Structure formats: structure tokens, C-alpha cells
C-alpha atoms as a PDB file:
ATOM      1  CA  UNK A   1      -0.086  -0.007  -0.049  1.00  0.00           C
ATOM      2  CA  UNK A   2       3.067   2.281   0.911  1.00  0.00           C
ATOM      3  CA  UNK A   3       4.499   1.689  -2.824  1.00  0.00           C
ATOM      4  CA  UNK A   4       1.233   1.945  -4.563  1.00  0.00           C
ATOM      5  CA  UNK A   5       0.228   5.646  -2.822  1.00  0.00           C
ATOM      6  CA  UNK A   6       3.548   6.574  -2.671  1.00  0.00           C
ATOM      7  CA  UNK A   7       3.699   6.797   1.041  1.00  0.00           C
ATOM      8  CA  UNK A   8       7.189   5.883   2.195  1.00  0.00           C
ATOM      9  CA  UNK A   9       8.189   9.212   3.421  1.00  0.00           C
ATOM     10  CA  UNK A  10       5.501   9.457   6.196  1.00  0.00           C
ATOM     11  CA  UNK A  11       6.912   8.677   9.643  1.00  0.00           C
ATOM     12  CA  UNK A  12       3.136   7.402  11.126  1.00  0.00           C
ATOM     13  CA  UNK A  13       3.148   4.504   8.094  1.00  0.00           C
ATOM     14  CA  UNK A  14       6.654   3.710   9.106  1.00  0.00           C
ATOM     15  CA  UNK A  15       6.143   3.051  12.621  1.00  0.00           C
ATOM     16  CA  UNK A  16       2.873   1.230  12.017  1.00  0.00           C
ATOM     17  CA  UNK A  17       4.704  -1.077   9.755  1.00  0.00           C
ATOM     18  CA  UNK A  18       7.072  -2.109  12.247  1.00  0.00           C
ATOM     19  CA  UNK A  19       4.450  -3.135  14.518  1.00  0.00           C
ATOM     20  CA  UNK A  20       2.798  -5.384  11.973  1.00  0.00           C
ATOM     21  CA  UNK A  21       3.355  -8.181  14.225  1.00  0.00           C
ATOM     22  CA  UNK A  22       0.773  -6.837  16.340  1.00  0.00           C
ATOM     23  CA  UNK A  23      -1.774  -6.771  13.777  1.00  0.00           C
ATOM     24  CA  UNK A  24      -5.190  -8.740  13.776  1.00  0.00           C
ATOM     25  CA  UNK A  25      -5.115 -11.160  10.954  1.00  0.00           C
ATOM     26  CA  UNK A  26      -7.681  -9.819   7.885  1.00  0.00           C
ATOM     27  CA  UNK A  27      -9.453 -12.443   7.156  1.00  0.00           C
ATOM     28  CA  UNK A  28      -9.474 -16.149   9.232  1.00  0.00           C
ATOM     29  CA  UNK A  29     -10.361 -18.614   6.245  1.00  0.00           C
ATOM     30  CA  UNK A  30      -7.253 -20.289   6.967  1.00  0.00           C
ATOM     31  CA  UNK A  31      -8.048 -21.567  10.794  1.00  0.00           C
ATOM     32  CA  UNK A  32     -10.432 -23.829  12.046  1.00  0.00           C
ATOM     33  CA  UNK A  33     -12.923 -22.360  14.358  1.00  0.00           C
ATOM     34  CA  UNK A  34     -16.166 -24.794  13.867  1.00  0.00           C
ATOM     35  CA  UNK A  35     -17.879 -21.844  12.480  1.00  0.00           C
ATOM     36  CA  UNK A  36     -17.808 -20.419  15.896  1.00  0.00           C
ATOM     37  CA  UNK A  37     -17.440 -16.273  16.121  1.00  0.00           C
ATOM     38  CA  UNK A  38     -15.164 -14.980  18.719  1.00  0.00           C
ATOM     39  CA  UNK A  39     -17.943 -13.314  20.459  1.00  0.00           C
ATOM     40  CA  UNK A  40     -20.129 -16.067  21.056  1.00  0.00           C
ATOM     41  CA  UNK A  41     -18.543 -18.211  23.824  1.00  0.00           C
ATOM     42  CA  UNK A  42     -18.896 -15.347  26.253  1.00  0.00           C
ATOM     43  CA  UNK A  43     -22.181 -14.429  24.655  1.00  0.00           C
ATOM     44  CA  UNK A  44     -23.408 -18.146  25.374  1.00  0.00           C
ATOM     45  CA  UNK A  45     -21.917 -18.206  28.801  1.00  0.00           C
ATOM     46  CA  UNK A  46     -23.765 -14.684  29.528  1.00  0.00           C
ATOM     47  CA  UNK A  47     -26.960 -15.948  28.376  1.00  0.00           C
ATOM     48  CA  UNK A  48     -26.587 -19.665  30.608  1.00  0.00           C
ATOM     49  CA  UNK A  49     -25.556 -18.252  33.660  1.00  0.00           C
ATOM     50  CA  UNK A  50     -26.276 -14.064  33.651  1.00  0.00           C
ATOM     51  CA  UNK A  51     -29.673 -13.704  34.060  1.00  0.00           C
ATOM     52  CA  UNK A  52     -29.214 -15.774  37.430  1.00  0.00           C
ATOM     53  CA  UNK A  53     -26.797 -13.796  38.908  1.00  0.00           C
ATOM     54  CA  UNK A  54     -26.214 -10.057  39.840  1.00  0.00           C
ATOM     55  CA  UNK A  55     -23.589  -7.669  41.111  1.00  0.00           C
ATOM     56  CA  UNK A  56     -24.538  -9.019  44.632  1.00  0.00           C
ATOM     57  CA  UNK A  57     -24.325 -12.443  43.918  1.00  0.00           C
ATOM     58  CA  UNK A  58     -21.528 -14.065  46.183  1.00  0.00           C
ATOM     59  CA  UNK A  59     -18.960 -16.355  44.935  1.00  0.00           C
ATOM     60  CA  UNK A  60     -20.205 -19.317  46.914  1.00  0.00           C
ATOM     61  CA  UNK A  61     -23.526 -18.599  45.268  1.00  0.00           C
ATOM     62  CA  UNK A  62     -21.889 -18.346  41.350  1.00  0.00           C
ATOM     63  CA  UNK A  63     -20.203 -22.047  42.038  1.00  0.00           C
ATOM     64  CA  UNK A  64     -23.619 -23.081  43.066  1.00  0.00           C
ATOM     65  CA  UNK A  65     -25.057 -21.899  40.070  1.00  0.00           C
ATOM     66  CA  UNK A  66     -22.327 -22.388  37.638  1.00  0.00           C
ATOM     67  CA  UNK A  67     -22.447 -26.316  38.601  1.00  0.00           C
ATOM     68  CA  UNK A  68     -26.549 -26.501  38.153  1.00  0.00           C
ATOM     69  CA  UNK A  69     -25.649 -25.491  34.760  1.00  0.00           C
ATOM     70  CA  UNK A  70     -23.021 -27.458  33.758  1.00  0.00           C
ATOM     71  CA  UNK A  71     -24.936 -30.556  34.722  1.00  0.00           C
ATOM     72  CA  UNK A  72     -28.081 -29.192  32.988  1.00  0.00           C
ATOM     73  CA  UNK A  73     -25.419 -28.951  29.642  1.00  0.00           C
ATOM     74  CA  UNK A  74     -24.266 -32.367  30.511  1.00  0.00           C
ATOM     75  CA  UNK A  75     -27.581 -33.933  30.639  1.00  0.00           C
ATOM     76  CA  UNK A  76     -28.992 -32.655  27.579  1.00  0.00           C
ATOM     77  CA  UNK A  77     -25.867 -33.470  25.584  1.00  0.00           C
ATOM     78  CA  UNK A  78     -26.238 -37.216  27.048  1.00  0.00           C
ATOM     79  CA  UNK A  79     -30.099 -37.030  26.246  1.00  0.00           C
ATOM     80  CA  UNK A  80     -29.192 -35.724  22.487  1.00  0.00           C
ATOM     81  CA  UNK A  81     -26.327 -38.117  21.739  1.00  0.00           C
ATOM     82  CA  UNK A  82     -28.685 -41.229  22.859  1.00  0.00           C
ATOM     83  CA  UNK A  83     -31.366 -40.111  20.335  1.00  0.00           C
ATOM     84  CA  UNK A  84     -28.868 -39.001  17.832  1.00  0.00           C
ATOM     85  CA  UNK A  85     -27.152 -42.741  17.575  1.00  0.00           C
ATOM     86  CA  UNK A  86     -30.344 -44.511  17.572  1.00  0.00           C
ATOM     87  CA  UNK A  87     -31.859 -42.308  14.941  1.00  0.00           C
ATOM     88  CA  UNK A  88     -31.115 -41.563  11.171  1.00  0.00           C
ATOM     89  CA  UNK A  89     -32.193 -38.105  10.316  1.00  0.00           C
ATOM     90  CA  UNK A  90     -34.853 -38.009   7.717  1.00  0.00           C
ATOM     91  CA  UNK A  91     -34.679 -35.215   4.542  1.00  0.00           C
ATOM     92  CA  UNK A  92     -37.181 -33.413   2.434  1.00  0.00           C
ATOM     93  CA  UNK A  93     -34.694 -34.437  -0.431  1.00  0.00           C
ATOM     94  CA  UNK A  94     -34.371 -37.962  -2.104  1.00  0.00           C
ATOM     95  CA  UNK A  95     -31.604 -39.149   0.217  1.00  0.00           C
ATOM     96  CA  UNK A  96     -29.299 -39.824  -2.817  1.00  0.00           C
ATOM     97  CA  UNK A  97     -26.063 -41.767  -1.863  1.00  0.00           C
ATOM     98  CA  UNK A  98     -24.013 -38.393  -0.687  1.00  0.00           C
ATOM     99  CA  UNK A  99     -26.894 -37.127   1.401  1.00  0.00           C
ATOM    100  CA  UNK A 100     -27.801 -40.443   2.408  1.00  0.00           C
ATOM    101  CA  UNK A 101     -24.155 -41.156   3.747  1.00  0.00           C
ATOM    102  CA  UNK A 102     -23.999 -37.679   5.550  1.00  0.00           C
ATOM    103  CA  UNK A 103     -27.448 -38.730   7.365  1.00  0.00           C
ATOM    104  CA  UNK A 104     -25.389 -41.805   8.747  1.00  0.00           C
ATOM    105  CA  UNK A 105     -22.445 -40.295   9.882  1.00  0.00           C
ATOM    106  CA  UNK A 106     -23.038 -37.048  10.998  1.00  0.00           C
ATOM    107  CA  UNK A 107     -25.044 -35.723  14.335  1.00  0.00           C
ATOM    108  CA  UNK A 108     -28.555 -34.738  13.495  1.00  0.00           C
ATOM    109  CA  UNK A 109     -27.748 -30.542  13.823  1.00  0.00           C
ATOM    110  CA  UNK A 110     -24.490 -31.071  11.605  1.00  0.00           C
ATOM    111  CA  UNK A 111     -26.501 -33.049   8.917  1.00  0.00           C
ATOM    112  CA  UNK A 112     -28.918 -30.089   8.729  1.00  0.00           C
ATOM    113  CA  UNK A 113     -26.104 -27.979   7.964  1.00  0.00           C
ATOM    114  CA  UNK A 114     -24.810 -30.187   5.265  1.00  0.00           C
ATOM    115  CA  UNK A 115     -28.547 -30.767   3.923  1.00  0.00           C
ATOM    116  CA  UNK A 116     -28.451 -26.670   3.359  1.00  0.00           C
ATOM    117  CA  UNK A 117     -25.268 -26.977   1.673  1.00  0.00           C
ATOM    118  CA  UNK A 118     -26.448 -29.802  -0.584  1.00  0.00           C
ATOM    119  CA  UNK A 119     -30.125 -27.508  -1.470  1.00  0.00           C
ATOM    120  CA  UNK A 120     -27.632 -24.650  -2.458  1.00  0.00           C
ATOM    121  CA  UNK A 121     -25.340 -27.136  -4.447  1.00  0.00           C
ATOM    122  CA  UNK A 122     -28.368 -28.117  -6.702  1.00  0.00           C
ATOM    123  CA  UNK A 123     -28.871 -24.498  -7.876  1.00  0.00           C
ATOM    124  CA  UNK A 124     -25.610 -23.846  -8.703  1.00  0.00           C
ATOM    125  CA  UNK A 125     -23.653 -24.167 -11.962  1.00  0.00           C
ATOM    126  CA  UNK A 126     -20.303 -25.723 -12.841  1.00  0.00           C
ATOM    127  CA  UNK A 127     -18.298 -25.235 -15.276  1.00  0.00           C
ATOM    128  CA  UNK A 128     -15.138 -26.764 -16.256  1.00  0.00           C
ATOM    129  CA  UNK A 129     -11.789 -24.810 -16.612  1.00  0.00           C
ATOM    130  CA  UNK A 130      -9.035 -26.313 -19.036  1.00  0.00           C
ATOM    131  CA  UNK A 131      -5.769 -26.226 -17.282  1.00  0.00           C
ATOM    132  CA  UNK A 132      -2.878 -27.969 -18.101  1.00  0.00           C
ATOM    133  CA  UNK A 133      -2.580 -29.812 -14.878  1.00  0.00           C
ATOM    134  CA  UNK A 134      -4.089 -33.310 -14.103  1.00  0.00           C
ATOM    135  CA  UNK A 135      -5.969 -31.705 -11.825  1.00  0.00           C
ATOM    136  CA  UNK A 136      -9.841 -30.932 -12.578  1.00  0.00           C
ATOM    137  CA  UNK A 137     -10.865 -27.279 -11.839  1.00  0.00           C
ATOM    138  CA  UNK A 138     -14.469 -26.088 -11.994  1.00  0.00           C
ATOM    139  CA  UNK A 139     -15.711 -22.625 -11.648  1.00  0.00           C
ATOM    140  CA  UNK A 140     -18.808 -22.978  -9.448  1.00  0.00           C
ATOM    141  CA  UNK A 141     -21.585 -20.038  -9.069  1.00  0.00           C
ATOM    142  CA  UNK A 142     -25.438 -19.888  -8.287  1.00  0.00           C
ATOM    143  CA  UNK A 143     -27.153 -20.545 -11.335  1.00  0.00           C
ATOM    144  CA  UNK A 144     -29.216 -16.736 -11.275  1.00  0.00           C
ATOM    145  CA  UNK A 145     -25.783 -15.076 -11.412  1.00  0.00           C
ATOM    146  CA  UNK A 146     -22.092 -15.277 -11.431  1.00  0.00           C
ATOM    147  CA  UNK A 147     -21.852 -13.365  -8.345  1.00  0.00           C
ATOM    148  CA  UNK A 148     -19.793 -15.485  -5.623  1.00  0.00           C
ATOM    149  CA  UNK A 149     -18.454 -17.527  -7.399  1.00  0.00           C
ATOM    150  CA  UNK A 150     -15.243 -19.995  -6.273  1.00  0.00           C
ATOM    151  CA  UNK A 151     -13.008 -22.800  -7.843  1.00  0.00           C
ATOM    152  CA  UNK A 152     -12.989 -26.356  -6.599  1.00  0.00           C
ATOM    153  CA  UNK A 153     -10.203 -27.865  -7.600  1.00  0.00           C
ATOM    154  CA  UNK A 154     -10.782 -31.824  -7.564  1.00  0.00           C
ATOM    155  CA  UNK A 155      -7.917 -34.710  -7.838  1.00  0.00           C
ATOM    156  CA  UNK A 156      -9.692 -37.966  -8.905  1.00  0.00           C
ATOM    157  CA  UNK A 157      -7.118 -40.339  -8.592  1.00  0.00           C
ATOM    158  CA  UNK A 158      -6.320 -39.313  -4.783  1.00  0.00           C
ATOM    159  CA  UNK A 159      -9.565 -38.411  -4.207  1.00  0.00           C
ATOM    160  CA  UNK A 160      -8.610 -34.945  -3.068  1.00  0.00           C
ATOM    161  CA  UNK A 161     -10.762 -31.658  -3.490  1.00  0.00           C
ATOM    162  CA  UNK A 162     -10.599 -28.222  -2.445  1.00  0.00           C
ATOM    163  CA  UNK A 163     -12.467 -24.770  -2.520  1.00  0.00           C
ATOM    164  CA  UNK A 164     -11.441 -21.262  -2.605  1.00  0.00           C
ATOM    165  CA  UNK A 165     -14.264 -20.415   0.023  1.00  0.00           C
ATOM    166  CA  UNK A 166     -12.438 -22.224   2.484  1.00  0.00           C
ATOM    167  CA  UNK A 167     -15.372 -23.603   4.207  1.00  0.00           C
ATOM    168  CA  UNK A 168     -14.011 -26.818   5.161  1.00  0.00           C
ATOM    169  CA  UNK A 169     -11.132 -25.277   6.372  1.00  0.00           C
ATOM    170  CA  UNK A 170     -12.804 -23.099   8.693  1.00  0.00           C
ATOM    171  CA  UNK A 171     -15.832 -25.536   9.711  1.00  0.00           C
ATOM    172  CA  UNK A 172     -15.184 -29.263   8.410  1.00  0.00           C
ATOM    173  CA  UNK A 173     -18.092 -29.459   6.628  1.00  0.00           C
ATOM    174  CA  UNK A 174     -18.321 -29.330   3.056  1.00  0.00           C
ATOM    175  CA  UNK A 175     -19.431 -26.347   0.692  1.00  0.00           C
ATOM    176  CA  UNK A 176     -21.971 -26.394  -1.783  1.00  0.00           C
ATOM    177  CA  UNK A 177     -19.471 -25.743  -4.329  1.00  0.00           C
ATOM    178  CA  UNK A 178     -17.848 -28.669  -3.776  1.00  0.00           C
ATOM    179  CA  UNK A 179     -20.627 -30.890  -2.946  1.00  0.00           C
ATOM    180  CA  UNK A 180     -21.981 -29.879  -6.961  1.00  0.00           C
ATOM    181  CA  UNK A 181     -18.841 -31.505  -8.155  1.00  0.00           C
ATOM    182  CA  UNK A 182     -18.965 -34.451  -6.112  1.00  0.00           C
ATOM    183  CA  UNK A 183     -22.310 -34.521  -7.317  1.00  0.00           C
ATOM    184  CA  UNK A 184     -21.149 -34.360 -10.830  1.00  0.00           C
ATOM    185  CA  UNK A 185     -18.701 -37.061 -10.325  1.00  0.00           C
ATOM    186  CA  UNK A 186     -21.335 -39.511  -8.844  1.00  0.00           C
ATOM    187  CA  UNK A 187     -19.246 -39.604  -5.579  1.00  0.00           C
ATOM    188  CA  UNK A 188     -21.521 -41.477  -3.097  1.00  0.00           C
ATOM    189  CA  UNK A 189     -19.785 -41.416   0.195  1.00  0.00           C
ATOM    190  CA  UNK A 190     -17.567 -38.524   2.078  1.00  0.00           C
ATOM    191  CA  UNK A 191     -14.452 -39.768   2.232  1.00  0.00           C
ATOM    192  CA  UNK A 192     -12.984 -40.572   5.927  1.00  0.00           C
ATOM    193  CA  UNK A 193     -10.134 -37.880   5.620  1.00  0.00           C
ATOM    194  CA  UNK A 194     -12.865 -35.207   5.406  1.00  0.00           C
ATOM    195  CA  UNK A 195     -14.907 -36.294   8.089  1.00  0.00           C
ATOM    196  CA  UNK A 196     -14.058 -34.497  11.325  1.00  0.00           C
ATOM    197  CA  UNK A 197     -14.377 -37.181  14.501  1.00  0.00           C
ATOM    198  CA  UNK A 198     -16.305 -33.943  16.415  1.00  0.00           C
ATOM    199  CA  UNK A 199     -18.967 -34.102  14.352  1.00  0.00           C
ATOM    200  CA  UNK A 200     -19.515 -37.588  14.141  1.00  0.00           C
ATOM    201  CA  UNK A 201     -22.671 -39.734  16.058  1.00  0.00           C
ATOM    202  CA  UNK A 202     -19.957 -41.859  17.828  1.00  0.00           C
ATOM    203  CA  UNK A 203     -17.340 -39.167  18.415  1.00  0.00           C
ATOM    204  CA  UNK A 204     -17.093 -40.092  21.820  1.00  0.00           C
ATOM    205  CA  UNK A 205     -16.264 -43.594  21.382  1.00  0.00           C
ATOM    206  CA  UNK A 206     -14.183 -42.573  18.519  1.00  0.00           C
ATOM    207  CA  UNK A 207     -12.094 -40.452  21.256  1.00  0.00           C
ATOM    208  CA  UNK A 208     -12.448 -43.145  24.011  1.00  0.00           C
ATOM    209  CA  UNK A 209     -10.987 -45.632  21.439  1.00  0.00           C
ATOM    210  CA  UNK A 210      -8.218 -43.530  20.406  1.00  0.00           C
ATOM    211  CA  UNK A 211      -7.058 -42.715  23.994  1.00  0.00           C
ATOM    212  CA  UNK A 212      -6.618 -45.843  25.659  1.00  0.00           C
ATOM    213  CA  UNK A 213      -4.472 -48.552  25.067  1.00  0.00           C
ATOM    214  CA  UNK A 214      -5.525 -51.711  22.667  1.00  0.00           C
ATOM    215  CA  UNK A 215      -5.185 -54.202  25.455  1.00  0.00           C
ATOM    216  CA  UNK A 216      -7.923 -52.574  27.924  1.00  0.00           C
ATOM    217  CA  UNK A 217     -10.189 -51.905  24.722  1.00  0.00           C
ATOM    218  CA  UNK A 218      -9.851 -55.510  24.126  1.00  0.00           C
ATOM    219  CA  UNK A 219     -11.035 -56.387  27.755  1.00  0.00           C
ATOM    220  CA  UNK A 220     -13.613 -54.164  28.261  1.00  0.00           C
ATOM    221  CA  UNK A 221     -15.297 -55.883  25.082  1.00  0.00           C
ATOM    222  CA  UNK A 222     -14.895 -59.248  26.387  1.00  0.00           C
ATOM    223  CA  UNK A 223     -16.728 -58.050  29.479  1.00  0.00           C
END
């Protein structure tokens, strides 16, 4: 910016550039955040506890309120996990292979997110872009206009796929652009490398099996 606008002689810009390590990142599409905004954690805590407390609440009373809230959260989590494992989400759309597989592996809430992306994918157009590369590149955009177009790179041999919108990198869930390309290639399942353990129905079981030594797991299964 300093070169483009001839600002090399301004001391304020030079001083600002020296402190660039303290700058905040303008775009965070390279970092996983599960789609949670930085302010949502404090907002959810305030919503769960704030209405039960006030400025005069003692530390002892606050701790009791907090414990009760956490127990309620855990109980609700166990109930939803129990219902989610023993049921398969339904959809208003025909459960084609990709959508059916998502309903079998994802929790109900995450499947609804995937379902919305699937619906958006069906309303997009994908144009193949010839490139001097073994990879396939598509330009995907809404059918009504070309605004918001993104490029999807697909490696058929290694089943690797990536989109410039970076939704998977941020949230761990396929975007509508990737779903569109996979649907075009008749891909019927989401590859394991693209299924985050935190989003699946059996996430707790998967973590448990990963942490415990194999001999302990075998002995507990025998029991």
C-alpha cells in the first residue's frame, strides 16, 4: 500500500509497519473455528448464567449456579447423543448416496447444515476450466448469477478436493461448491479424511478408542 500510494516518506506509516506483528488477521479462512465467532462463547455463557446472577451474587452462590448449569448442559448433551445415535435424520430431499451417507455419520444438527449446503449445491452451475494440470478445476456459481463464484480443484486419483471459499478449513464441513462437483462425479460417500471426528454420531466412542490402550479396549469388549 505504501508503494502503490507513494507513502514511503510518512513516518506514521513506517512506525505502523514496524508493529505489524501485533496486527490482527483480516481474513481467518485458513484457521479452523468450527464456525464459531470469537464473541459467541462469552455471549452463550452470559445467556446461560447471567439471568440467574447479579452484582451482589456471592462467589459461593455463583459456583452453585455454575455447577447446576453445567449438569444441565451435560444431561442435555447425553440425551441428544442417545437420540442421535439411535436414529437417522430424514430429509425433504431424496436421500441420494452422498446425502444418505451424511445422515448416517453426522449428528442431526450437522446433517441439517450439510443438507442446506446440498440444497444450495443443486441451485449452482459448475463450469469446467481447462488447465495444463492433471487436476480438474471447476468454476461454481449460483445459477441465477455469477456473483460469488468459487473455484473447486478436484484430484480424482487421490480423491482430494478443495474450494477457494475455504469452508471446510474453517468449519470442517463441505461447502455447496464441493458438493456440486462431487455430485457431478457420482461420488456416493464422504471420504474419511473429510469427516471430522467431532461431528460424527460416535465421536465420544471414537475418542475413547483412540485414547485407551488396545489391550484395555479388548478386555472391556470381552466383559
